[in-house]
C-alpha atoms as a PDB file:
ATOM      1  CA  UNK A   1      17.136  -5.801 -13.807  1.00  0.00           C
ATOM      2  CA  UNK A   2      14.188  -7.502 -11.756  1.00  0.00           C
ATOM      3  CA  UNK A   3      10.621  -7.072 -12.370  1.00  0.00           C
ATOM      4  CA  UNK A   4       8.543  -5.488  -9.245  1.00  0.00           C
ATOM      5  CA  UNK A   5       4.915  -5.062  -8.924  1.00  0.00           C
ATOM      6  CA  UNK A   6       3.849  -3.222  -6.491  1.00  0.00           C
ATOM      7  CA  UNK A   7      -0.456  -1.982  -5.815  1.00  0.00           C
ATOM      8  CA  UNK A   8      -2.763  -0.169  -3.794  1.00  0.00           C
ATOM      9  CA  UNK A   9      -6.572  -0.394  -3.087  1.00  0.00           C
ATOM     10  CA  UNK A  10      -8.567   2.135  -4.636  1.00  0.00           C
ATOM     11  CA  UNK A  11     -11.036   2.849  -1.548  1.00  0.00           C
ATOM     12  CA  UNK A  12      -9.983   6.147  -1.684  1.00  0.00           C
ATOM     13  CA  UNK A  13      -7.100   9.028  -0.957  1.00  0.00           C
ATOM     14  CA  UNK A  14      -3.399   7.770  -0.735  1.00  0.00           C
ATOM     15  CA  UNK A  15      -2.565   8.893   3.530  1.00  0.00           C
ATOM     16  CA  UNK A  16       1.378   9.149   4.728  1.00  0.00           C
ATOM     17  CA  UNK A  17       1.689   5.433   5.744  1.00  0.00           C
ATOM     18  CA  UNK A  18       1.120   4.823   2.090  1.00  0.00           C
ATOM     19  CA  UNK A  19       3.428   7.186   0.632  1.00  0.00           C
ATOM     20  CA  UNK A  20       6.403   6.346   3.396  1.00  0.00           C
ATOM     21  CA  UNK A  21       5.311   2.477   3.169  1.00  0.00           C
ATOM     22  CA  UNK A  22       5.193   1.953  -0.898  1.00  0.00           C
ATOM     23  CA  UNK A  23       4.794   4.986  -3.144  1.00  0.00           C
ATOM     24  CA  UNK A  24       8.269   6.844  -2.287  1.00  0.00           C
ATOM     25  CA  UNK A  25       9.917   3.469  -2.871  1.00  0.00           C
ATOM     26  CA  UNK A  26       8.237   3.159  -5.964  1.00  0.00           C
ATOM     27  CA  UNK A  27       9.064   6.575  -7.685  1.00  0.00           C
ATOM     28  CA  UNK A  28      12.850   5.490  -7.036  1.00  0.00           C
ATOM     29  CA  UNK A  29      12.845   1.818  -8.099  1.00  0.00           C
ATOM     30  CA  UNK A  30      10.915   3.049 -11.219  1.00  0.00           C
ATOM     31  CA  UNK A  31      14.593   4.207 -12.826  1.00  0.00           C
ATOM     32  CA  UNK A  32      16.379   1.215 -11.788  1.00  0.00           C
ATOM     33  CA  UNK A  33      13.418  -1.864 -12.655  1.00  0.00           C
ATOM     34  CA  UNK A  34      10.788  -3.032 -15.174  1.00  0.00           C
ATOM     35  CA  UNK A  35       7.933  -2.289 -12.555  1.00  0.00           C
ATOM     36  CA  UNK A  36       4.327  -2.634 -12.745  1.00  0.00           C
ATOM     37  CA  UNK A  37       2.103  -0.188 -10.398  1.00  0.00           C
ATOM     38  CA  UNK A  38      -1.345  -0.647 -10.286  1.00  0.00           C
ATOM     39  CA  UNK A  39      -4.474  -0.085  -8.450  1.00  0.00           C
ATOM     40  CA  UNK A  40      -6.405  -2.628  -7.138  1.00  0.00           C
ATOM     41  CA  UNK A  41      -9.771  -2.147  -7.334  1.00  0.00           C
ATOM     42  CA  UNK A  42     -10.912  -5.509  -7.282  1.00  0.00           C
ATOM     43  CA  UNK A  43      -9.077  -5.669  -3.558  1.00  0.00           C
ATOM     44  CA  UNK A  44     -11.410  -2.785  -2.773  1.00  0.00           C
ATOM     45  CA  UNK A  45     -14.273  -4.539  -2.905  1.00  0.00           C
ATOM     46  CA  UNK A  46     -13.553  -7.193   0.320  1.00  0.00           C
ATOM     47  CA  UNK A  47     -13.581  -4.263   2.768  1.00  0.00           C
ATOM     48  CA  UNK A  48     -16.023  -2.219   0.616  1.00  0.00           C
ATOM     49  CA  UNK A  49     -18.741  -4.055  -1.610  1.00  0.00           C
ATOM     50  CA  UNK A  50     -20.678  -1.231  -2.639  1.00  0.00           C
ATOM     51  CA  UNK A  51     -18.201   1.683  -2.840  1.00  0.00           C
ATOM     52  CA  UNK A  52     -20.595   4.765  -3.728  1.00  0.00           C
ATOM     53  CA  UNK A  53     -18.167   6.101  -6.084  1.00  0.00           C
ATOM     54  CA  UNK A  54     -15.780   3.437  -7.478  1.00  0.00           C
ATOM     55  CA  UNK A  55     -15.049   5.119 -10.503  1.00  0.00           C
ATOM     56  CA  UNK A  56     -13.894   8.557  -8.905  1.00  0.00           C
ATOM     57  CA  UNK A  57     -12.109   6.702  -5.949  1.00  0.00           C
ATOM     58  CA  UNK A  58      -9.772   4.945  -9.430  1.00  0.00           C
ATOM     59  CA  UNK A  59      -9.091   8.531 -10.567  1.00  0.00           C
ATOM     60  CA  UNK A  60      -8.189  10.047  -7.400  1.00  0.00           C
ATOM     61  CA  UNK A  61      -5.676   7.346  -6.313  1.00  0.00           C
ATOM     62  CA  UNK A  62      -4.517   7.439 -10.097  1.00  0.00           C
ATOM     63  CA  UNK A  63      -3.594  11.498 -10.186  1.00  0.00           C
ATOM     64  CA  UNK A  64      -2.075  10.718  -6.149  1.00  0.00           C
ATOM     65  CA  UNK A  65       0.168   8.563  -7.696  1.00  0.00           C
ATOM     66  CA  UNK A  66       1.157  10.182 -10.550  1.00  0.00           C
ATOM     67  CA  UNK A  67       1.701  13.721  -8.539  1.00  0.00           C
ATOM     68  CA  UNK A  68       4.030  11.661  -6.169  1.00  0.00           C
ATOM     69  CA  UNK A  69       6.159  11.137  -9.231  1.00  0.00           C
ATOM     70  CA  UNK A  70       5.063   7.552 -11.258  1.00  0.00           C
ATOM     71  CA  UNK A  71       6.138   8.224 -14.711  1.00  0.00           C
ATOM     72  CA  UNK A  72       3.930   5.921 -17.061  1.00  0.00           C
ATOM     73  CA  UNK A  73       6.774   6.576 -19.438  1.00  0.00           C
ATOM     74  CA  UNK A  74       8.945   4.644 -17.703  1.00  0.00           C
ATOM     75  CA  UNK A  75       6.923   2.619 -15.606  1.00  0.00           C
ATOM     76  CA  UNK A  76       3.684   1.040 -16.417  1.00  0.00           C
ATOM     77  CA  UNK A  77       0.805   2.513 -14.503  1.00  0.00           C
ATOM     78  CA  UNK A  78      -2.665   0.549 -14.952  1.00  0.00           C
ATOM     79  CA  UNK A  79      -5.643   0.025 -12.892  1.00  0.00           C
ATOM     80  CA  UNK A  80      -6.437  -4.210 -12.149  1.00  0.00           C
ATOM     81  CA  UNK A  81      -9.867  -4.147 -13.527  1.00  0.00           C
ATOM     82  CA  UNK A  82      -8.423  -3.664 -16.877  1.00  0.00           C
ATOM     83  CA  UNK A  83      -6.692  -6.776 -16.768  1.00  0.00           C
ATOM     84  CA  UNK A  84      -8.728  -9.714 -16.939  1.00  0.00           C
ATOM     85  CA  UNK A  85      -5.677 -11.796 -17.117  1.00  0.00           C
ATOM     86  CA  UNK A  86      -5.026 -11.241 -13.366  1.00  0.00           C
ATOM     87  CA  UNK A  87      -8.946 -13.125 -12.823  1.00  0.00           C
ATOM     88  CA  UNK A  88      -7.725 -16.371 -15.068  1.00  0.00           C
ATOM     89  CA  UNK A  89      -4.818 -16.777 -12.510  1.00  0.00           C
ATOM     90  CA  UNK A  90      -6.655 -15.954  -9.355  1.00  0.00           C
ATOM     91  CA  UNK A  91      -9.352 -18.629 -10.215  1.00  0.00           C
ATOM     92  CA  UNK A  92      -6.372 -21.130 -11.183  1.00  0.00           C
ATOM     93  CA  UNK A  93      -4.158 -20.263  -7.594  1.00  0.00           C
ATOM     94  CA  UNK A  94      -7.372 -20.665  -5.616  1.00  0.00           C
ATOM     95  CA  UNK A  95      -7.632 -24.608  -7.083  1.00  0.00           C
ATOM     96  CA  UNK A  96      -4.698 -25.067  -4.884  1.00  0.00           C
ATOM     97  CA  UNK A  97      -5.061 -22.504  -2.402  1.00  0.00           C
ATOM     98  CA  UNK A  98      -6.066 -24.232   1.068  1.00  0.00           C
ATOM     99  CA  UNK A  99      -9.281 -22.892   3.644  1.00  0.00           C
ATOM    100  CA  UNK A 100      -6.884 -23.771   6.835  1.00  0.00           C
ATOM    101  CA  UNK A 101      -4.056 -21.453   5.358  1.00  0.00           C
ATOM    102  CA  UNK A 102      -5.792 -18.822   4.412  1.00  0.00           C
ATOM    103  CA  UNK A 103      -8.271 -18.752   7.785  1.00  0.00           C
ATOM    104  CA  UNK A 104      -4.746 -18.528   9.847  1.00  0.00           C
ATOM    105  CA  UNK A 105      -3.635 -15.467   7.900  1.00  0.00           C
ATOM    106  CA  UNK A 106      -3.309 -12.598  10.801  1.00  0.00           C
ATOM    107  CA  UNK A 107      -5.397 -10.165   8.077  1.00  0.00           C
ATOM    108  CA  UNK A 108      -8.031 -12.270   7.665  1.00  0.00           C
ATOM    109  CA  UNK A 109      -8.902 -12.834  10.834  1.00  0.00           C
ATOM    110  CA  UNK A 110      -8.639  -9.001  12.031  1.00  0.00           C
ATOM    111  CA  UNK A 111     -10.906  -8.250   9.316  1.00  0.00           C
ATOM    112  CA  UNK A 112     -13.457 -10.520  10.847  1.00  0.00           C
ATOM    113  CA  UNK A 113     -13.259  -8.832  14.064  1.00  0.00           C
ATOM    114  CA  UNK A 114     -13.531  -5.640  12.611  1.00  0.00           C
ATOM    115  CA  UNK A 115     -16.190  -6.498   9.960  1.00  0.00           C
ATOM    116  CA  UNK A 116     -18.278  -9.689  11.460  1.00  0.00           C
ATOM    117  CA  UNK A 117     -20.458  -8.403   9.376  1.00  0.00           C
ATOM    118  CA  UNK A 118     -19.177  -8.863   5.707  1.00  0.00           C
ATOM    119  CA  UNK A 119     -17.259 -12.063   6.194  1.00  0.00           C
ATOM    120  CA  UNK A 120     -16.871 -12.883   2.624  1.00  0.00           C
ATOM    121  CA  UNK A 121     -14.668 -14.963  -0.049  1.00  0.00           C
ATOM    122  CA  UNK A 122     -12.922 -12.592  -1.465  1.00  0.00           C
ATOM    123  CA  UNK A 123     -11.837 -11.677   1.790  1.00  0.00           C
ATOM    124  CA  UNK A 124     -10.492 -14.980   2.876  1.00  0.00           C
ATOM    125  CA  UNK A 125      -8.678 -15.582  -0.540  1.00  0.00           C
ATOM    126  CA  UNK A 126      -7.453 -11.663  -0.386  1.00  0.00           C
ATOM    127  CA  UNK A 127      -3.976 -13.423  -0.229  1.00  0.00           C
ATOM    128  CA  UNK A 128      -4.426 -15.571  -3.426  1.00  0.00           C
ATOM    129  CA  UNK A 129      -5.452 -12.168  -5.454  1.00  0.00           C
ATOM    130  CA  UNK A 130      -2.463 -10.047  -4.433  1.00  0.00           C
ATOM    131  CA  UNK A 131      -0.340 -13.633  -5.209  1.00  0.00           C
ATOM    132  CA  UNK A 132      -2.211 -13.221  -9.093  1.00  0.00           C
ATOM    133  CA  UNK A 133      -1.289  -9.472  -9.099  1.00  0.00           C
ATOM    134  CA  UNK A 134       2.479  -9.966  -8.458  1.00  0.00           C
ATOM    135  CA  UNK A 135       3.420 -13.185 -10.031  1.00  0.00           C
ATOM    136  CA  UNK A 136       1.000 -12.515 -13.364  1.00  0.00           C
ATOM    137  CA  UNK A 137       4.058  -9.939 -14.411  1.00  0.00           C
ATOM    138  CA  UNK A 138       6.503 -12.965 -12.728  1.00  0.00           C
ATOM    139  CA  UNK A 139       7.990 -10.637 -10.392  1.00  0.00           C
ATOM    140  CA  UNK A 140      11.107 -10.586  -8.467  1.00  0.00           C
ATOM    141  CA  UNK A 141      10.516  -7.817  -6.029  1.00  0.00           C
ATOM    142  CA  UNK A 142       7.489  -6.182  -4.240  1.00  0.00           C
ATOM    143  CA  UNK A 143       7.616  -3.069  -2.060  1.00  0.00           C
ATOM    144  CA  UNK A 144       5.563  -4.152   0.729  1.00  0.00           C
ATOM    145  CA  UNK A 145       4.667  -2.904   4.248  1.00  0.00           C
ATOM    146  CA  UNK A 146       5.616  -4.874   7.224  1.00  0.00           C
ATOM    147  CA  UNK A 147       1.852  -5.458   7.657  1.00  0.00           C
ATOM    148  CA  UNK A 148       2.044  -7.092   3.936  1.00  0.00           C
ATOM    149  CA  UNK A 149       4.824  -9.574   5.099  1.00  0.00           C
ATOM    150  CA  UNK A 150       2.495 -12.278   5.722  1.00  0.00           C
ATOM    151  CA  UNK A 151       0.813 -12.118   2.465  1.00  0.00           C
ATOM    152  CA  UNK A 152       4.114 -12.000   0.202  1.00  0.00           C
ATOM    153  CA  UNK A 153       5.056 -14.788   1.889  1.00  0.00           C
ATOM    154  CA  UNK A 154       1.933 -16.651   1.103  1.00  0.00           C
ATOM    155  CA  UNK A 155       2.409 -15.216  -2.640  1.00  0.00           C
ATOM    156  CA  UNK A 156       6.244 -17.338  -2.517  1.00  0.00           C
ATOM    157  CA  UNK A 157       4.116 -20.048  -1.497  1.00  0.00           C
ATOM    158  CA  UNK A 158       1.641 -19.739  -4.219  1.00  0.00           C
ATOM    159  CA  UNK A 159       4.741 -19.634  -6.949  1.00  0.00           C
ATOM    160  CA  UNK A 160       6.441 -22.617  -5.473  1.00  0.00           C
ATOM    161  CA  UNK A 161       3.842 -25.165  -5.224  1.00  0.00           C
ATOM    162  CA  UNK A 162       2.617 -23.860  -8.816  1.00  0.00           C
ATOM    163  CA  UNK A 163       6.112 -24.717  -9.841  1.00  0.00           C
ATOM    164  CA  UNK A 164       6.121 -27.686  -7.881  1.00  0.00           C
ATOM    165  CA  UNK A 165       3.326 -29.222  -8.850  1.00  0.00           C
ATOM    166  CA  UNK A 166       3.765 -28.716 -12.589  1.00  0.00           C
ATOM    167  CA  UNK A 167       7.366 -29.713 -12.537  1.00  0.00           C
ATOM    168  CA  UNK A 168       8.395 -26.555 -13.858  1.00  0.00           C
ATOM    169  CA  UNK A 169      10.627 -23.676 -12.692  1.00  0.00           C
ATOM    170  CA  UNK A 170       8.142 -20.529 -14.428  1.00  0.00           C
ATOM    171  CA  UNK A 171       7.371 -18.231 -11.373  1.00  0.00           C
ATOM    172  CA  UNK A 172      10.088 -16.841  -9.231  1.00  0.00           C
ATOM    173  CA  UNK A 173       9.782 -16.689  -5.528  1.00  0.00           C
ATOM    174  CA  UNK A 174       9.602 -12.602  -5.386  1.00  0.00           C
ATOM    175  CA  UNK A 175      11.168 -10.737  -2.396  1.00  0.00           C
ATOM    176  CA  UNK A 176      10.357  -7.598  -0.279  1.00  0.00           C
ATOM    177  CA  UNK A 177      12.154  -5.008  -1.962  1.00  0.00           C
ATOM    178  CA  UNK A 178      13.055  -2.187   0.970  1.00  0.00           C
ATOM    179  CA  UNK A 179      16.138  -1.007  -0.340  1.00  0.00           C
ATOM    180  CA  UNK A 180      18.343  -2.707   2.661  1.00  0.00           C
ATOM    181  CA  UNK A 181      15.730  -0.614   5.040  1.00  0.00           C
ATOM    182  CA  UNK A 182      13.714  -2.151   7.254  1.00  0.00           C
ATOM    183  CA  UNK A 183      10.158  -2.401   6.358  1.00  0.00           C
ATOM    184  CA  UNK A 184       8.378   1.090   7.566  1.00  0.00           C
ATOM    185  CA  UNK A 185       5.007   0.973   9.554  1.00  0.00           C
ATOM    186  CA  UNK A 186       3.913   4.151   9.642  1.00  0.00           C
ATOM    187  CA  UNK A 187       1.257   4.301  13.070  1.00  0.00           C
ATOM    188  CA  UNK A 188      -1.766   6.415  12.809  1.00  0.00           C
ATOM    189  CA  UNK A 189      -2.839   9.314  15.071  1.00  0.00           C
ATOM    190  CA  UNK A 190      -5.645   7.538  17.257  1.00  0.00           C
ATOM    191  CA  UNK A 191      -2.571   5.534  19.748  1.00  0.00           C
ATOM    192  CA  UNK A 192      -2.793   1.923  18.393  1.00  0.00           C
ATOM    193  CA  UNK A 193      -1.456   0.146  14.806  1.00  0.00           C
ATOM    194  CA  UNK A 194      -0.993   1.703  11.671  1.00  0.00           C
ATOM    195  CA  UNK A 195      -2.362   4.533   9.522  1.00  0.00           C
ATOM    196  CA  UNK A 196      -5.212   3.317   7.383  1.00  0.00           C
ATOM    197  CA  UNK A 197      -8.285   4.467   5.843  1.00  0.00           C
ATOM    198  CA  UNK A 198     -11.232   3.076   7.353  1.00  0.00           C
ATOM    199  CA  UNK A 199      -9.626   3.748  10.541  1.00  0.00           C
ATOM    200  CA  UNK A 200      -9.793   7.219  10.519  1.00  0.00           C
ATOM    201  CA  UNK A 201      -6.698   7.713  11.860  1.00  0.00           C
ATOM    202  CA  UNK A 202      -4.675   9.169   8.831  1.00  0.00           C
ATOM    203  CA  UNK A 203      -3.335  11.995   7.269  1.00  0.00           C
ATOM    204  CA  UNK A 204      -4.227  11.784   3.726  1.00  0.00           C
ATOM    205  CA  UNK A 205      -1.841  13.854   0.532  1.00  0.00           C
ATOM    206  CA  UNK A 206      -4.844  15.986  -0.106  1.00  0.00           C
ATOM    207  CA  UNK A 207      -5.724  17.178   3.065  1.00  0.00           C
ATOM    208  CA  UNK A 208      -5.622  20.996   3.556  1.00  0.00           C
ATOM    209  CA  UNK A 209      -3.454  22.363   6.117  1.00  0.00           C
ATOM    210  CA  UNK A 210      -6.533  23.297   8.307  1.00  0.00           C
ATOM    211  CA  UNK A 211      -7.771  19.468   8.315  1.00  0.00           C
ATOM    212  CA  UNK A 212      -4.274  18.512   8.921  1.00  0.00           C
ATOM    213  CA  UNK A 213      -4.275  21.128  12.460  1.00  0.00           C
ATOM    214  CA  UNK A 214      -7.221  19.659  13.598  1.00  0.00           C
ATOM    215  CA  UNK A 215      -5.885  16.284  12.650  1.00  0.00           C
ATOM    216  CA  UNK A 216      -2.922  16.055  14.507  1.00  0.00           C
ATOM    217  CA  UNK A 217      -4.059  18.191  17.255  1.00  0.00           C
ATOM    218  CA  UNK A 218      -6.297  15.508  18.437  1.00  0.00           C
ATOM    219  CA  UNK A 219      -3.770  13.183  18.326  1.00  0.00           C
ATOM    220  CA  UNK A 220      -3.508  10.476  21.409  1.00  0.00           C
ATOM    221  CA  UNK A 221      -0.882  11.050  23.990  1.00  0.00           C
ATOM    222  CA  UNK A 222      -0.713  10.754  27.665  1.00  0.00           C
ATOM    223  CA  UNK A 223      -0.878  13.149  30.636  1.00  0.00           C
ATOM    224  CA  UNK A 224       2.774  13.102  30.485  1.00  0.00           C
ATOM    225  CA  UNK A 225       5.966  11.712  31.982  1.00  0.00           C
ATOM    226  CA  UNK A 226       6.335  11.514  35.660  1.00  0.00           C
ATOM    227  CA  UNK A 227       9.808  11.063  36.440  1.00  0.00           C
ATOM    228  CA  UNK A 228      12.478  12.033  34.159  1.00  0.00           C
ATOM    229  CA  UNK A 229      13.986   9.087  31.558  1.00  0.00           C
ATOM    230  CA  UNK A 230      10.677   7.471  31.510  1.00  0.00           C
ATOM    231  CA  UNK A 231       9.937   5.122  28.476  1.00  0.00           C
ATOM    232  CA  UNK A 232       7.099   7.327  26.322  1.00  0.00           C
ATOM    233  CA  UNK A 233       4.225   5.237  26.219  1.00  0.00           C
ATOM    234  CA  UNK A 234       2.453   3.646  23.000  1.00  0.00           C
ATOM    235  CA  UNK A 235       0.870   6.546  21.571  1.00  0.00           C
ATOM    236  CA  UNK A 236       3.494   9.142  22.463  1.00  0.00           C
ATOM    237  CA  UNK A 237       6.057   6.440  20.545  1.00  0.00           C
ATOM    238  CA  UNK A 238       4.029   7.052  17.618  1.00  0.00           C
ATOM    239  CA  UNK A 239       3.856  10.730  17.609  1.00  0.00           C
ATOM    240  CA  UNK A 240       7.986  10.510  17.910  1.00  0.00           C
ATOM    241  CA  UNK A 241       7.711   8.293  14.999  1.00  0.00           C
ATOM    242  CA  UNK A 242       5.344  10.334  12.858  1.00  0.00           C
ATOM    243  CA  UNK A 243       8.497  13.084  13.582  1.00  0.00           C
ATOM    244  CA  UNK A 244      10.974  10.972  12.857  1.00  0.00           C
ATOM    245  CA  UNK A 245       9.324  10.774   9.384  1.00  0.00           C
ATOM    246  CA  UNK A 246       7.984  13.854   8.742  1.00  0.00           C
ATOM    247  CA  UNK A 247      10.512  16.353  10.688  1.00  0.00           C
ATOM    248  CA  UNK A 248      14.594  17.386  10.853  1.00  0.00           C
ATOM    249  CA  UNK A 249      16.381  15.322  13.176  1.00  0.00           C
ATOM    250  CA  UNK A 250      17.157  18.592  15.290  1.00  0.00           C
ATOM    251  CA  UNK A 251      13.281  18.527  16.130  1.00  0.00           C
ATOM    252  CA  UNK A 252      13.359  15.303  16.801  1.00  0.00           C
ATOM    253  CA  UNK A 253      16.034  15.591  19.716  1.00  0.00           C
ATOM    254  CA  UNK A 254      14.706  18.237  20.831  1.00  0.00           C
ATOM    255  CA  UNK A 255      11.241  16.695  21.715  1.00  0.00           C
ATOM    256  CA  UNK A 256      12.967  13.841  22.829  1.00  0.00           C
ATOM    257  CA  UNK A 257      15.367  15.620  25.662  1.00  0.00           C
ATOM    258  CA  UNK A 258      11.909  17.608  26.788  1.00  0.00           C
ATOM    259  CA  UNK A 259      10.018  14.411  27.282  1.00  0.00           C
ATOM    260  CA  UNK A 260      12.780  12.844  28.813  1.00  0.00           C
ATOM    261  CA  UNK A 261      13.170  15.362  31.199  1.00  0.00           C
ATOM    262  CA  UNK A 262       9.395  15.870  31.832  1.00  0.00           C
ATOM    263  CA  UNK A 263       9.481  19.499  30.387  1.00  0.00           C
ATOM    264  CA  UNK A 264       7.510  18.678  27.032  1.00  0.00           C
ATOM    265  CA  UNK A 265       4.273  20.379  25.965  1.00  0.00           C
ATOM    266  CA  UNK A 266       2.440  17.807  23.991  1.00  0.00           C
ATOM    267  CA  UNK A 267       0.371  20.668  22.095  1.00  0.00           C
ATOM    268  CA  UNK A 268       3.877  22.059  21.043  1.00  0.00           C
ATOM    269  CA  UNK A 269       5.085  19.575  19.857  1.00  0.00           C
ATOM    270  CA  UNK A 270       1.477  18.516  17.651  1.00  0.00           C
ATOM    271  CA  UNK A 271       1.989  21.965  16.125  1.00  0.00           C
ATOM    272  CA  UNK A 272       5.408  21.401  15.211  1.00  0.00           C
ATOM    273  CA  UNK A 273       4.822  17.701  13.774  1.00  0.00           C
ATOM    274  CA  UNK A 274       0.987  19.267  11.741  1.00  0.00           C
ATOM    275  CA  UNK A 275       3.511  22.484  10.211  1.00  0.00           C
ATOM    276  CA  UNK A 276       6.095  19.846   9.274  1.00  0.00           C
ATOM    277  CA  UNK A 277       3.048  17.711   7.467  1.00  0.00           C
ATOM    278  CA  UNK A 278       1.635  20.803   5.715  1.00  0.00           C
ATOM    279  CA  UNK A 279       5.216  21.556   4.874  1.00  0.00           C
ATOM    280  CA  UNK A 280       5.449  17.847   2.486  1.00  0.00           C
ATOM    281  CA  UNK A 281       1.722  17.723   1.301  1.00  0.00           C
ATOM    282  CA  UNK A 282       1.304  20.834  -0.030  1.00  0.00           C
ATOM    283  CA  UNK A 283       3.516  20.674  -3.002  1.00  0.00           C
ATOM    284  CA  UNK A 284       1.715  17.055  -3.712  1.00  0.00           C
ATOM    285  CA  UNK A 285      -1.389  17.912  -3.181  1.00  0.00           C
ATOM    286  CA  UNK A 286      -1.307  21.128  -5.491  1.00  0.00           C
ATOM    287  CA  UNK A 287       0.016  18.579  -8.270  1.00  0.00           C
ATOM    288  CA  UNK A 288      -2.861  16.187  -7.308  1.00  0.00           C
ATOM    289  CA  UNK A 289      -5.463  18.678  -8.211  1.00  0.00           C
ATOM    290  CA  UNK A 290      -4.424  19.682 -11.568  1.00  0.00           C
ATOM    291  CA  UNK A 291      -3.930  16.102 -12.741  1.00  0.00           C
ATOM    292  CA  UNK A 292      -7.636  15.831 -11.678  1.00  0.00           C
ATOM    293  CA  UNK A 293      -9.115  18.670 -13.781  1.00  0.00           C
ATOM    294  CA  UNK A 294      -7.126  17.069 -16.928  1.00  0.00           C
ATOM    295  CA  UNK A 295      -9.308  14.470 -17.851  1.00  0.00           C
ATOM    296  CA  UNK A 296      -7.346  13.521 -21.273  1.00  0.00           C
ATOM    297  CA  UNK A 297      -4.134  13.182 -19.857  1.00  0.00           C
ATOM    298  CA  UNK A 298      -5.529  10.890 -17.303  1.00  0.00           C
ATOM    299  CA  UNK A 299      -7.228   9.152 -20.132  1.00  0.00           C
ATOM    300  CA  UNK A 300      -4.264   8.105 -22.107  1.00  0.00           C
ATOM    301  CA  UNK A 301      -2.099   7.115 -19.020  1.00  0.00           C
ATOM    302  CA  UNK A 302      -4.641   4.636 -18.353  1.00  0.00           C
ATOM    303  CA  UNK A 303      -5.278   3.343 -22.208  1.00  0.00           C
ATOM    304  CA  UNK A 304      -1.487   2.838 -22.172  1.00  0.00           C
ATOM    305  CA  UNK A 305      -0.979   1.362 -18.936  1.00  0.00           C
ATOM    306  CA  UNK A 306      -3.745  -1.167 -19.469  1.00  0.00           C
ATOM    307  CA  UNK A 307      -2.600  -2.201 -23.016  1.00  0.00           C
ATOM    308  CA  UNK A 308       1.842  -2.827 -21.718  1.00  0.00           C
ATOM    309  CA  UNK A 309      -0.016  -4.838 -18.627  1.00  0.00           C
ATOM    310  CA  UNK A 310      -2.073  -7.076 -20.719  1.00  0.00           C
ATOM    311  CA  UNK A 311       0.984  -7.694 -22.968  1.00  0.00           C
ATOM    312  CA  UNK A 312       2.797  -9.094 -20.097  1.00  0.00           C
ATOM    313  CA  UNK A 313      -0.300 -10.508 -18.332  1.00  0.00           C
ATOM    314  CA  UNK A 314      -1.018 -12.189 -21.572  1.00  0.00           C
ATOM    315  CA  UNK A 315       2.152 -14.000 -22.531  1.00  0.00           C
ATOM    316  CA  UNK A 316       2.063 -15.463 -18.604  1.00  0.00           C
ATOM    317  CA  UNK A 317      -1.431 -16.680 -19.307  1.00  0.00           C
ATOM    318  CA  UNK A 318      -0.554 -18.257 -22.067  1.00  0.00           C
ATOM    319  CA  UNK A 319       2.321 -19.841 -20.813  1.00  0.00           C
ATOM    320  CA  UNK A 320       0.246 -21.207 -17.712  1.00  0.00           C
ATOM    321  CA  UNK A 321      -2.383 -22.767 -19.763  1.00  0.00           C
ATOM    322  CA  UNK A 322       0.253 -24.519 -22.186  1.00  0.00           C
ATOM    323  CA  UNK A 323       1.741 -25.937 -18.510  1.00  0.00           C
ATOM    324  CA  UNK A 324      -1.294 -26.989 -17.103  1.00  0.00           C
ATOM    325  CA  UNK A 325      -2.826 -28.191 -19.514  1.00  0.00           C
ATOM    326  CA  UNK A 326      -4.790 -25.985 -21.834  1.00  0.00           C
ATOM    327  CA  UNK A 327      -4.042 -26.735 -25.315  1.00  0.00           C
ATOM    328  CA  UNK A 328      -5.564 -26.080 -28.695  1.00  0.00           C
ATOM    329  CA  UNK A 329      -6.937 -29.192 -30.799  1.00  0.00           C
END
């Protein structure tokens, strides 16, 4: 049985990109693996250093995890900040993480461009904290989206570097867990890039139907194909990608044929896509609201999750201290 670790930042609601990029796989894998799912509230501070309501964000994401099908009786579901051992391993890994390799990461360069007023040390060492989250449970596999492949490779590098430096074979080098499928990258509605929280281009699992319709109808397209068989533009390709995920194959084929014959009406396509998204998200949204109102249940899940996560993390840190040379007199 493989050990799997997966996390998501606590910067607000989960969107469809989160769901199809990670959460859906998490629900499947919990029955076949030893799984640790966590809410990365430390990670969220790299881009939101002064969150308006961190506690409510954490509560919201926890409820969404549960509503999507994570079973806390089978998997370990916990909050990152409830496991202080992660911070200790993060510190130790930082001692052998080099500034040049961290500055070259694609995500760091993108964040520097997007938030030049907040280029903090946590942002630079984000891949190190991610590595600590994963290898502290000695994970073999990690469900990651395509945008996180480089970070996972760095996790493998840090695990390998620790083993080599101390002449041990302690940390596994985790691999991407994607069920043999190509890693999914869900696009946003703004015509470029991936779906994200801060970009304002996402459909969230808690969005009401009227909100979804409004967002989808504002999605970027183009003026339409000028000749038969013309390749769709990037924004339109994004819409088709979303439709391939949300709609049945016949619907997708219908609109592809309309585009190829220059008969497509983007308004009709958007209306169909919005309704398919609503059909998918409605039962999840209703379950989220039920869980959010049950504080006793949420408290029990968080408490038991922290206990299980700390048991695993504590054993790792005792081993790591012994390997490095921190021993009792």
